[in-house]
């Protein structure tokens, strides 16, 4: 599992230029609510949404420890799905970086006369981009945003409670 996690971190860094190794625990000022709720990225992956929309943030580093109670409820399928959702928050950046990687692989394939490498990278990146754009489209078109706002009777009351 640790090897797959390191591969995910490397792939996400290669495609987003972001090191996305942090958890979901956070403290937000109430003035940040409007900014975070104005985008659908939050429904894809909360930590990635924070990374994308808040450039200046304070980070508290804490060592990762073993789970205190029980076993993890996640399996490889759910973890893969969540990793794709995290990367899909940065889908536009991933698309741009994929184009650059395809261009670099094209140049490398000319140098080493291997079009198979170029074709593999092209197809892999094309498939990956289609997956993350479809995932983002599926989440954005769902009724998550409407349902979330319906659950909040009055945003001002919510802000006042948080203060």
Foldseek 3Di string as FASTA:
>chain_A
DVVVVVVLQVVLCLQQVDRQPDDQDDDDALVCVCVLLVDLLCLLPVSLSCVVRPVDDDDDDDDDDDDDDDDDPDDPVVVVSSSLSSSLSRLVSSVVSLVVVLVVQVVVCVVVVNVVSSVVSNVVSVVSSVVSVVVSVVSVPDCVSVVVVVVDPDSVVVNVVSD
